[in-house]
């Protein structure tokens, strides 16, 4: 599980497997160095990704990557799984506000 803190009022809890799927769905070149990969191992236990404490460019890049990764996952998942669809739609919407 990784908790992504977008701002003082908004955080999103992402299961480790789902987080890995999002990272795999981010287009090549969208992220630099280890923007999200750094948080892969902690996500398998419990991690915290606090965007407000990062450099603004990096936080925006990560939010944009989460937006794109969630959007791409939405195109590949079973649309009848309404719980998962709702999760990805919510993450995409919140991340887009911070990208």
Protein backbone atom coordinates (compact mmCIF):
# COMPACT_ATOMS: atom_id res chain seq x y z
CA UNK A 1 0.00 0.00 0.00
CA UNK A 2 1.23 3.48 -0.82
CA UNK A 3 -0.46 6.66 0.29
CA UNK A 4 -0.15 9.52 -2.21
CA UNK A 5 -0.63 12.88 -0.49
CA UNK A 6 -1.71 15.45 -3.09
CA UNK A 7 -2.38 18.32 -0.69
CA UNK A 8 -3.57 18.98 2.86
CA UNK A 9 -7.10 17.83 1.98
CA UNK A 10 -6.50 15.02 -0.50
CA UNK A 11 -4.69 11.70 -0.21
CA UNK A 12 -5.17 8.49 -2.15
CA UNK A 13 -4.46 4.93 -0.94
CA UNK A 14 -3.15 2.61 -3.65
CA UNK A 15 -2.64 -1.12 -3.23
CA UNK A 16 0.87 -2.29 -4.15
CA UNK A 17 -0.24 -4.39 -7.15
CA UNK A 18 -2.37 -1.55 -8.50
CA UNK A 19 0.49 0.92 -7.99
CA UNK A 20 2.82 -1.38 -9.97
CA UNK A 21 0.24 -1.54 -12.80
CA UNK A 22 0.01 2.25 -12.88
CA UNK A 23 3.79 2.64 -13.05
CA UNK A 24 3.99 0.07 -15.86
CA UNK A 25 1.32 2.04 -17.77
CA UNK A 26 3.15 5.39 -17.66
CA UNK A 27 4.54 6.26 -21.11
CA UNK A 28 8.30 6.01 -21.53
CA UNK A 29 10.07 9.31 -20.97
CA UNK A 30 7.28 10.86 -18.92
CA UNK A 31 9.18 10.43 -15.66
CA UNK A 32 12.76 11.19 -14.77
CA UNK A 33 15.17 8.97 -12.85
CA UNK A 34 13.23 7.11 -10.17
CA UNK A 35 10.25 9.45 -9.66
CA UNK A 36 7.83 6.59 -8.98
CA UNK A 37 10.03 3.51 -9.14
CA UNK A 38 11.63 4.64 -5.88
CA UNK A 39 8.33 3.97 -4.15
CA UNK A 40 7.75 0.49 -5.59
CA UNK A 41 9.28 -1.51 -2.74
CA UNK A 42 7.68 0.51 0.08
CA UNK A 43 4.33 0.19 -1.72
CA UNK A 44 4.51 -3.55 -1.21
CA UNK A 45 4.43 -2.96 2.53
CA UNK A 46 3.31 0.59 3.34
CA UNK A 47 4.75 3.74 1.84
CA UNK A 48 4.08 7.45 1.73
CA UNK A 49 4.49 9.61 -1.34
CA UNK A 50 4.07 13.21 -0.15
CA UNK A 51 3.86 15.50 -3.19
CA UNK A 52 3.63 18.82 -1.25
CA UNK A 53 7.08 18.20 0.24
CA UNK A 54 8.75 17.77 -3.17
CA UNK A 55 10.16 20.25 -5.63
CA UNK A 56 7.15 21.63 -7.55
CA UNK A 57 8.39 20.36 -10.94
CA UNK A 58 8.87 16.85 -9.62
CA UNK A 59 5.50 16.81 -7.83
CA UNK A 60 3.73 17.98 -11.00
CA UNK A 61 5.59 15.39 -13.10
CA UNK A 62 4.57 12.61 -10.72
CA UNK A 63 0.94 13.80 -10.63
CA UNK A 64 0.91 13.90 -14.45
CA UNK A 65 2.37 10.39 -14.60
CA UNK A 66 -0.24 9.09 -12.14
CA UNK A 67 -2.94 10.75 -14.27
CA UNK A 68 -1.68 9.13 -17.47
CA UNK A 69 -1.01 5.77 -15.82
CA UNK A 70 -4.54 5.67 -14.38
CA UNK A 71 -6.03 6.70 -17.74
CA UNK A 72 -4.15 3.93 -19.55
CA UNK A 73 -5.18 1.35 -16.95
CA UNK A 74 -8.80 2.42 -17.42
CA UNK A 75 -8.54 1.45 -21.08
CA UNK A 76 -7.28 -2.05 -20.27
CA UNK A 77 -9.28 -3.18 -17.23
CA UNK A 78 -12.59 -5.02 -17.22
CA UNK A 79 -15.18 -2.24 -17.24
CA UNK A 80 -17.66 -4.46 -15.41
CA UNK A 81 -15.42 -4.24 -12.33
CA UNK A 82 -17.09 -1.03 -11.21
CA UNK A 83 -15.09 -0.78 -7.99
CA UNK A 84 -11.77 -0.78 -9.87
CA UNK A 85 -13.12 1.56 -12.56
CA UNK A 86 -14.29 4.01 -9.88
CA UNK A 87 -10.89 3.81 -8.17
CA UNK A 88 -8.96 4.62 -11.37
CA UNK A 89 -11.38 7.39 -12.37
CA UNK A 90 -11.03 8.99 -8.95
CA UNK A 91 -7.24 8.78 -8.99
CA UNK A 92 -7.09 10.18 -12.53
CA UNK A 93 -9.31 13.12 -11.54
CA UNK A 94 -7.43 13.98 -8.35
CA UNK A 95 -3.97 13.56 -9.89
CA UNK A 96 -4.98 15.71 -12.90
CA UNK A 97 -5.81 18.60 -10.55
CA UNK A 98 -2.23 18.52 -9.29
CA UNK A 99 -0.42 17.91 -12.58
